PDB file of N, CA and C in Angstrom:
ATOM      1  N   UNK A   1     204.773 129.876  68.606  1.00  0.00           N
ATOM      2  CA  UNK A   1     204.125 128.720  68.018  1.00  0.00           C
ATOM      3  C   UNK A   1     202.742 129.121  67.488  1.00  0.00           C
ATOM      4  N   UNK A   2     202.443 128.696  66.272  1.00  0.00           N
ATOM      5  CA  UNK A   2     201.164 129.015  65.646  1.00  0.00           C
ATOM      6  C   UNK A   2     200.055 128.118  66.191  1.00  0.00           C
ATOM      7  N   UNK A   3     198.865 128.692  66.291  1.00  0.00           N
ATOM      8  CA  UNK A   3     197.706 127.948  66.767  1.00  0.00           C
ATOM      9  C   UNK A   3     196.866 127.480  65.582  1.00  0.00           C
ATOM     10  N   UNK A   4     196.424 126.254  65.642  1.00  0.00           N
ATOM     11  CA  UNK A   4     195.571 125.689  64.600  1.00  0.00           C
ATOM     12  C   UNK A   4     194.210 126.383  64.619  1.00  0.00           C
ATOM     13  N   UNK A   5     193.745 126.817  63.440  1.00  0.00           N
ATOM     14  CA  UNK A   5     192.423 127.420  63.290  1.00  0.00           C
ATOM     15  C   UNK A   5     191.550 126.475  62.485  1.00  0.00           C
ATOM     16  N   UNK A   6     190.304 126.369  62.904  1.00  0.00           N
ATOM     17  CA  UNK A   6     189.310 125.605  62.164  1.00  0.00           C
ATOM     18  C   UNK A   6     188.290 126.591  61.628  1.00  0.00           C
ATOM     19  N   UNK A   7     187.952 126.456  60.349  1.00  0.00           N
ATOM     20  CA  UNK A   7     186.894 127.287  59.776  1.00  0.00           C
ATOM     21  C   UNK A   7     186.034 126.409  58.876  1.00  0.00           C
ATOM     22  N   UNK A   8     184.865 126.921  58.548  1.00  0.00           N
ATOM     23  CA  UNK A   8     183.918 126.173  57.729  1.00  0.00           C
ATOM     24  C   UNK A   8     183.656 126.947  56.445  1.00  0.00           C
ATOM     25  N   UNK A   9     183.811 126.262  55.325  1.00  0.00           N
ATOM     26  CA  UNK A   9     183.552 126.851  54.021  1.00  0.00           C
ATOM     27  C   UNK A   9     182.488 126.003  53.336  1.00  0.00           C
ATOM     28  N   UNK A  10     181.331 126.625  53.095  1.00  0.00           N
ATOM     29  CA  UNK A  10     180.200 125.922  52.470  1.00  0.00           C
ATOM     30  C   UNK A  10     179.887 124.598  53.186  1.00  0.00           C
ATOM     31  N   UNK A  11     179.960 124.646  54.528  1.00  0.00           N
ATOM     32  CA  UNK A  11     179.613 123.486  55.337  1.00  0.00           C
ATOM     33  C   UNK A  11     180.731 122.482  55.548  1.00  0.00           C
ATOM     34  N   UNK A  12     181.840 122.631  54.838  1.00  0.00           N
ATOM     35  CA  UNK A  12     182.982 121.729  54.990  1.00  0.00           C
ATOM     36  C   UNK A  12     183.965 122.319  55.997  1.00  0.00           C
ATOM     37  N   UNK A  13     184.509 121.471  56.851  1.00  0.00           N
ATOM     38  CA  UNK A  13     185.463 121.916  57.873  1.00  0.00           C
ATOM     39  C   UNK A  13     186.886 121.875  57.322  1.00  0.00           C
ATOM     40  N   UNK A  14     187.631 122.958  57.565  1.00  0.00           N
ATOM     41  CA  UNK A  14     189.028 123.052  57.161  1.00  0.00           C
ATOM     42  C   UNK A  14     189.853 123.499  58.357  1.00  0.00           C
ATOM     43  N   UNK A  15     191.115 123.081  58.397  1.00  0.00           N
ATOM     44  CA  UNK A  15     192.031 123.478  59.464  1.00  0.00           C
ATOM     45  C   UNK A  15     193.286 124.063  58.835  1.00  0.00           C
ATOM     46  N   UNK A  16     193.840 125.078  59.489  1.00  0.00           N
ATOM     47  CA  UNK A  16     195.049 125.713  58.980  1.00  0.00           C
ATOM     48  C   UNK A  16     195.865 126.317  60.111  1.00  0.00           C
ATOM     49  N   UNK A  17     197.136 126.457  59.868  1.00  0.00           N
ATOM     50  CA  UNK A  17     198.030 127.189  60.766  1.00  0.00           C
ATOM     51  C   UNK A  17     198.345 128.568  60.206  1.00  0.00           C
ATOM     52  N   UNK A  18     198.033 128.762  58.927  1.00  0.00           N
ATOM     53  CA  UNK A  18     198.379 130.000  58.232  1.00  0.00           C
ATOM     54  C   UNK A  18     197.339 131.097  58.450  1.00  0.00           C
ATOM     55  N   UNK A  19     197.802 132.335  58.405  1.00  0.00           N
ATOM     56  CA  UNK A  19     196.900 133.490  58.443  1.00  0.00           C
ATOM     57  C   UNK A  19     196.639 133.910  56.993  1.00  0.00           C
ATOM     58  N   UNK A  20     195.372 134.060  56.646  1.00  0.00           N
ATOM     59  CA  UNK A  20     195.030 134.506  55.298  1.00  0.00           C
ATOM     60  C   UNK A  20     193.693 135.217  55.321  1.00  0.00           C
ATOM     61  N   UNK A  21     193.465 136.027  54.285  1.00  0.00           N
ATOM     62  CA  UNK A  21     192.234 136.815  54.215  1.00  0.00           C
ATOM     63  C   UNK A  21     191.260 136.189  53.221  1.00  0.00           C
ATOM     64  N   UNK A  22     190.084 136.788  53.105  1.00  0.00           N
ATOM     65  CA  UNK A  22     189.052 136.242  52.226  1.00  0.00           C
ATOM     66  C   UNK A  22     189.470 136.258  50.757  1.00  0.00           C
ATOM     67  N   UNK A  23     190.186 137.288  50.325  1.00  0.00           N
ATOM     68  CA  UNK A  23     190.668 137.338  48.936  1.00  0.00           C
ATOM     69  C   UNK A  23     191.583 136.155  48.635  1.00  0.00           C
ATOM     70  N   UNK A  24     192.469 135.849  49.563  1.00  0.00           N
ATOM     71  CA  UNK A  24     193.387 134.723  49.383  1.00  0.00           C
ATOM     72  C   UNK A  24     192.635 133.388  49.394  1.00  0.00           C
ATOM     73  N   UNK A  25     191.607 133.284  50.221  1.00  0.00           N
ATOM     74  CA  UNK A  25     190.786 132.078  50.269  1.00  0.00           C
ATOM     75  C   UNK A  25     190.091 131.855  48.930  1.00  0.00           C
ATOM     76  N   UNK A  26     189.525 132.903  48.363  1.00  0.00           N
ATOM     77  CA  UNK A  26     188.839 132.818  47.072  1.00  0.00           C
ATOM     78  C   UNK A  26     189.807 132.400  45.975  1.00  0.00           C
ATOM     79  N   UNK A  27     191.000 132.969  45.982  1.00  0.00           N
ATOM     80  CA  UNK A  27     192.010 132.609  44.982  1.00  0.00           C
ATOM     81  C   UNK A  27     192.467 131.158  45.164  1.00  0.00           C
ATOM     82  N   UNK A  28     192.669 130.733  46.404  1.00  0.00           N
ATOM     83  CA  UNK A  28     193.131 129.373  46.678  1.00  0.00           C
ATOM     84  C   UNK A  28     192.140 128.331  46.148  1.00  0.00           C
ATOM     85  N   UNK A  29     190.851 128.575  46.337  1.00  0.00           N
ATOM     86  CA  UNK A  29     189.834 127.636  45.883  1.00  0.00           C
ATOM     87  C   UNK A  29     189.391 127.908  44.436  1.00  0.00           C
ATOM     88  N   UNK A  30     190.075 128.837  43.775  1.00  0.00           N
ATOM     89  CA  UNK A  30     189.896 129.112  42.349  1.00  0.00           C
ATOM     90  C   UNK A  30     188.471 129.564  41.987  1.00  0.00           C
ATOM     91  N   UNK A  31     187.884 130.403  42.851  1.00  0.00           N
ATOM     92  CA  UNK A  31     186.579 130.990  42.551  1.00  0.00           C
ATOM     93  C   UNK A  31     186.771 132.213  41.655  1.00  0.00           C
ATOM     94  N   UNK A  32     185.817 132.473  40.791  1.00  0.00           N
ATOM     95  CA  UNK A  32     185.803 133.692  39.997  1.00  0.00           C
ATOM     96  C   UNK A  32     185.172 134.786  40.864  1.00  0.00           C
ATOM     97  N   UNK A  33     185.968 135.718  41.331  1.00  0.00           N
ATOM     98  CA  UNK A  33     185.500 136.717  42.300  1.00  0.00           C
ATOM     99  C   UNK A  33     184.427 137.652  41.742  1.00  0.00           C
ATOM    100  N   UNK A  34     184.313 137.733  40.432  1.00  0.00           N
ATOM    101  CA  UNK A  34     183.294 138.620  39.863  1.00  0.00           C
ATOM    102  C   UNK A  34     181.918 137.946  39.790  1.00  0.00           C
ATOM    103  N   UNK A  35     181.872 136.641  40.066  1.00  0.00           N
ATOM    104  CA  UNK A  35     180.614 135.915  39.934  1.00  0.00           C
ATOM    105  C   UNK A  35     180.189 135.227  41.236  1.00  0.00           C
ATOM    106  N   UNK A  36     180.400 135.891  42.370  1.00  0.00           N
ATOM    107  CA  UNK A  36     180.022 135.252  43.618  1.00  0.00           C
ATOM    108  C   UNK A  36     179.526 136.250  44.655  1.00  0.00           C
ATOM    109  N   UNK A  37     178.810 135.690  45.630  1.00  0.00           N
ATOM    110  CA  UNK A  37     178.383 136.425  46.819  1.00  0.00           C
ATOM    111  C   UNK A  37     178.999 135.687  47.992  1.00  0.00           C
ATOM    112  N   UNK A  38     179.601 136.431  48.906  1.00  0.00           N
ATOM    113  CA  UNK A  38     180.281 135.823  50.031  1.00  0.00           C
ATOM    114  C   UNK A  38     179.595 136.213  51.340  1.00  0.00           C
ATOM    115  N   UNK A  39     179.239 135.198  52.107  1.00  0.00           N
ATOM    116  CA  UNK A  39     178.652 135.409  53.430  1.00  0.00           C
ATOM    117  C   UNK A  39     179.691 134.998  54.464  1.00  0.00           C
ATOM    118  N   UNK A  40     179.990 135.915  55.373  1.00  0.00           N
ATOM    119  CA  UNK A  40     181.011 135.686  56.396  1.00  0.00           C
ATOM    120  C   UNK A  40     180.359 135.815  57.768  1.00  0.00           C
ATOM    121  N   UNK A  41     180.275 134.703  58.487  1.00  0.00           N
ATOM    122  CA  UNK A  41     179.628 134.671  59.806  1.00  0.00           C
ATOM    123  C   UNK A  41     178.230 135.281  59.772  1.00  0.00           C
ATOM    124  N   UNK A  42     177.444 134.836  58.794  1.00  0.00           N
ATOM    125  CA  UNK A  42     176.032 135.207  58.628  1.00  0.00           C
ATOM    126  C   UNK A  42     175.784 136.630  58.125  1.00  0.00           C
ATOM    127  N   UNK A  43     176.804 137.306  57.632  1.00  0.00           N
ATOM    128  CA  UNK A  43     176.648 138.644  57.053  1.00  0.00           C
ATOM    129  C   UNK A  43     177.254 138.661  55.660  1.00  0.00           C
ATOM    130  N   UNK A  44     176.579 139.322  54.733  1.00  0.00           N
ATOM    131  CA  UNK A  44     177.134 139.490  53.389  1.00  0.00           C
ATOM    132  C   UNK A  44     178.364 140.376  53.504  1.00  0.00           C
ATOM    133  N   UNK A  45     179.451 139.920  52.923  1.00  0.00           N
ATOM    134  CA  UNK A  45     180.727 140.639  53.009  1.00  0.00           C
ATOM    135  C   UNK A  45     181.022 141.255  51.637  1.00  0.00           C
ATOM    136  N   UNK A  46     181.168 142.561  51.591  1.00  0.00           N
ATOM    137  CA  UNK A  46     181.420 143.235  50.320  1.00  0.00           C
ATOM    138  C   UNK A  46     182.854 143.009  49.847  1.00  0.00           C
ATOM    139  N   UNK A  47     183.019 143.012  48.547  1.00  0.00           N
ATOM    140  CA  UNK A  47     184.321 142.736  47.935  1.00  0.00           C
ATOM    141  C   UNK A  47     185.411 143.690  48.428  1.00  0.00           C
ATOM    142  N   UNK A  48     185.051 144.906  48.723  1.00  0.00           N
ATOM    143  CA  UNK A  48     186.037 145.889  49.152  1.00  0.00           C
ATOM    144  C   UNK A  48     186.685 145.540  50.500  1.00  0.00           C
ATOM    145  N   UNK A  49     186.021 144.699  51.300  1.00  0.00           N
ATOM    146  CA  UNK A  49     186.563 144.321  52.615  1.00  0.00           C
ATOM    147  C   UNK A  49     187.276 142.967  52.621  1.00  0.00           C
ATOM    148  N   UNK A  50     187.244 142.243  51.511  1.00  0.00           N
ATOM    149  CA  UNK A  50     187.821 140.903  51.488  1.00  0.00           C
ATOM    150  C   UNK A  50     189.301 140.886  51.843  1.00  0.00           C
ATOM    151  N   UNK A  51     190.067 141.836  51.350  1.00  0.00           N
ATOM    152  CA  UNK A  51     191.512 141.818  51.579  1.00  0.00           C
ATOM    153  C   UNK A  51     191.895 142.128  53.030  1.00  0.00           C
ATOM    154  N   UNK A  52     191.000 142.746  53.790  1.00  0.00           N
ATOM    155  CA  UNK A  52     191.338 143.072  55.184  1.00  0.00           C
ATOM    156  C   UNK A  52     190.567 142.237  56.203  1.00  0.00           C
ATOM    157  N   UNK A  53     189.808 141.249  55.723  1.00  0.00           N
ATOM    158  CA  UNK A  53     189.072 140.346  56.608  1.00  0.00           C
ATOM    159  C   UNK A  53     189.827 139.024  56.682  1.00  0.00           C
ATOM    160  N   UNK A  54     190.469 138.784  57.822  1.00  0.00           N
ATOM    161  CA  UNK A  54     191.280 137.584  57.996  1.00  0.00           C
ATOM    162  C   UNK A  54     190.469 136.477  58.674  1.00  0.00           C
ATOM    163  N   UNK A  55     190.699 135.257  58.230  1.00  0.00           N
ATOM    164  CA  UNK A  55     189.998 134.099  58.752  1.00  0.00           C
ATOM    165  C   UNK A  55     190.440 133.858  60.196  1.00  0.00           C
ATOM    166  N   UNK A  56     189.430 133.662  61.063  1.00  0.00           N
ATOM    167  CA  UNK A  56     189.690 133.363  62.468  1.00  0.00           C
ATOM    168  C   UNK A  56     189.100 132.000  62.818  1.00  0.00           C
ATOM    169  N   UNK A  57     189.455 131.503  63.974  1.00  0.00           N
ATOM    170  CA  UNK A  57     188.973 130.205  64.433  1.00  0.00           C
ATOM    171  C   UNK A  57     187.448 130.201  64.522  1.00  0.00           C
ATOM    172  N   UNK A  58     186.846 129.142  64.007  1.00  0.00           N
ATOM    173  CA  UNK A  58     185.393 128.898  64.039  1.00  0.00           C
ATOM    174  C   UNK A  58     184.588 129.780  63.084  1.00  0.00           C
ATOM    175  N   UNK A  59     185.235 130.508  62.180  1.00  0.00           N
ATOM    176  CA  UNK A  59     184.506 131.315  61.199  1.00  0.00           C
ATOM    177  C   UNK A  59     183.686 130.424  60.283  1.00  0.00           C
ATOM    178  N   UNK A  60     182.553 130.975  59.834  1.00  0.00           N
ATOM    179  CA  UNK A  60     181.681 130.280  58.882  1.00  0.00           C
ATOM    180  C   UNK A  60     181.578 131.127  57.623  1.00  0.00           C
ATOM    181  N   UNK A  61     181.976 130.552  56.495  1.00  0.00           N
ATOM    182  CA  UNK A  61     182.000 131.255  55.223  1.00  0.00           C
ATOM    183  C   UNK A  61     181.143 130.470  54.234  1.00  0.00           C
ATOM    184  N   UNK A  62     180.253 131.167  53.578  1.00  0.00           N
ATOM    185  CA  UNK A  62     179.441 130.564  52.526  1.00  0.00           C
ATOM    186  C   UNK A  62     179.702 131.345  51.243  1.00  0.00           C
ATOM    187  N   UNK A  63     180.017 130.638  50.183  1.00  0.00           N
ATOM    188  CA  UNK A  63     180.246 131.257  48.891  1.00  0.00           C
ATOM    189  C   UNK A  63     179.198 130.729  47.922  1.00  0.00           C
ATOM    190  N   UNK A  64     178.453 131.654  47.346  1.00  0.00           N
ATOM    191  CA  UNK A  64     177.427 131.292  46.364  1.00  0.00           C
ATOM    192  C   UNK A  64     177.851 131.879  45.031  1.00  0.00           C
ATOM    193  N   UNK A  65     177.979 131.006  44.038  1.00  0.00           N
ATOM    194  CA  UNK A  65     178.363 131.484  42.714  1.00  0.00           C
ATOM    195  C   UNK A  65     177.124 131.798  41.893  1.00  0.00           C
ATOM    196  N   UNK A  66     177.254 132.781  41.044  1.00  0.00           N
ATOM    197  CA  UNK A  66     176.164 133.225  40.192  1.00  0.00           C
ATOM    198  C   UNK A  66     176.343 132.575  38.831  1.00  0.00           C
ATOM    199  N   UNK A  67     175.296 131.913  38.367  1.00  0.00           N
ATOM    200  CA  UNK A  67     175.354 131.220  37.074  1.00  0.00           C
ATOM    201  C   UNK A  67     174.244 131.802  36.190  1.00  0.00           C
ATOM    202  N   UNK A  68     174.639 132.220  35.009  1.00  0.00           N
ATOM    203  CA  UNK A  68     173.653 132.747  34.058  1.00  0.00           C
ATOM    204  C   UNK A  68     173.205 131.649  33.116  1.00  0.00           C
ATOM    205  N   UNK A  69     172.119 131.866  32.509  1.00  0.00           N
ATOM    206  CA  UNK A  69     171.610 130.881  31.565  1.00  0.00           C
ATOM    207  C   UNK A  69     170.420 131.439  30.800  1.00  0.00           C
ATOM    208  N   UNK A  70     169.954 130.663  29.927  1.00  0.00           N
ATOM    209  CA  UNK A  70     168.823 131.139  29.153  1.00  0.00           C
ATOM    210  C   UNK A  70     167.973 130.035  28.617  1.00  0.00           C
TER     211      UNK A  70
END
């Protein structure tokens, strides 16, 4: 039996039974991966580790998108 996991994304609480990694989370929420900085449990997480970092119960994820302008 799968255990329900709760995680926080940009301050919003989400619950899931599925196992997924940060790359899948970014794709699910339709973020442009080339224009963001991802903080995972208070540490900046490099893009190279996203595919092997799986969401666990009580994780805190902050995604900041980069916007250019002039």
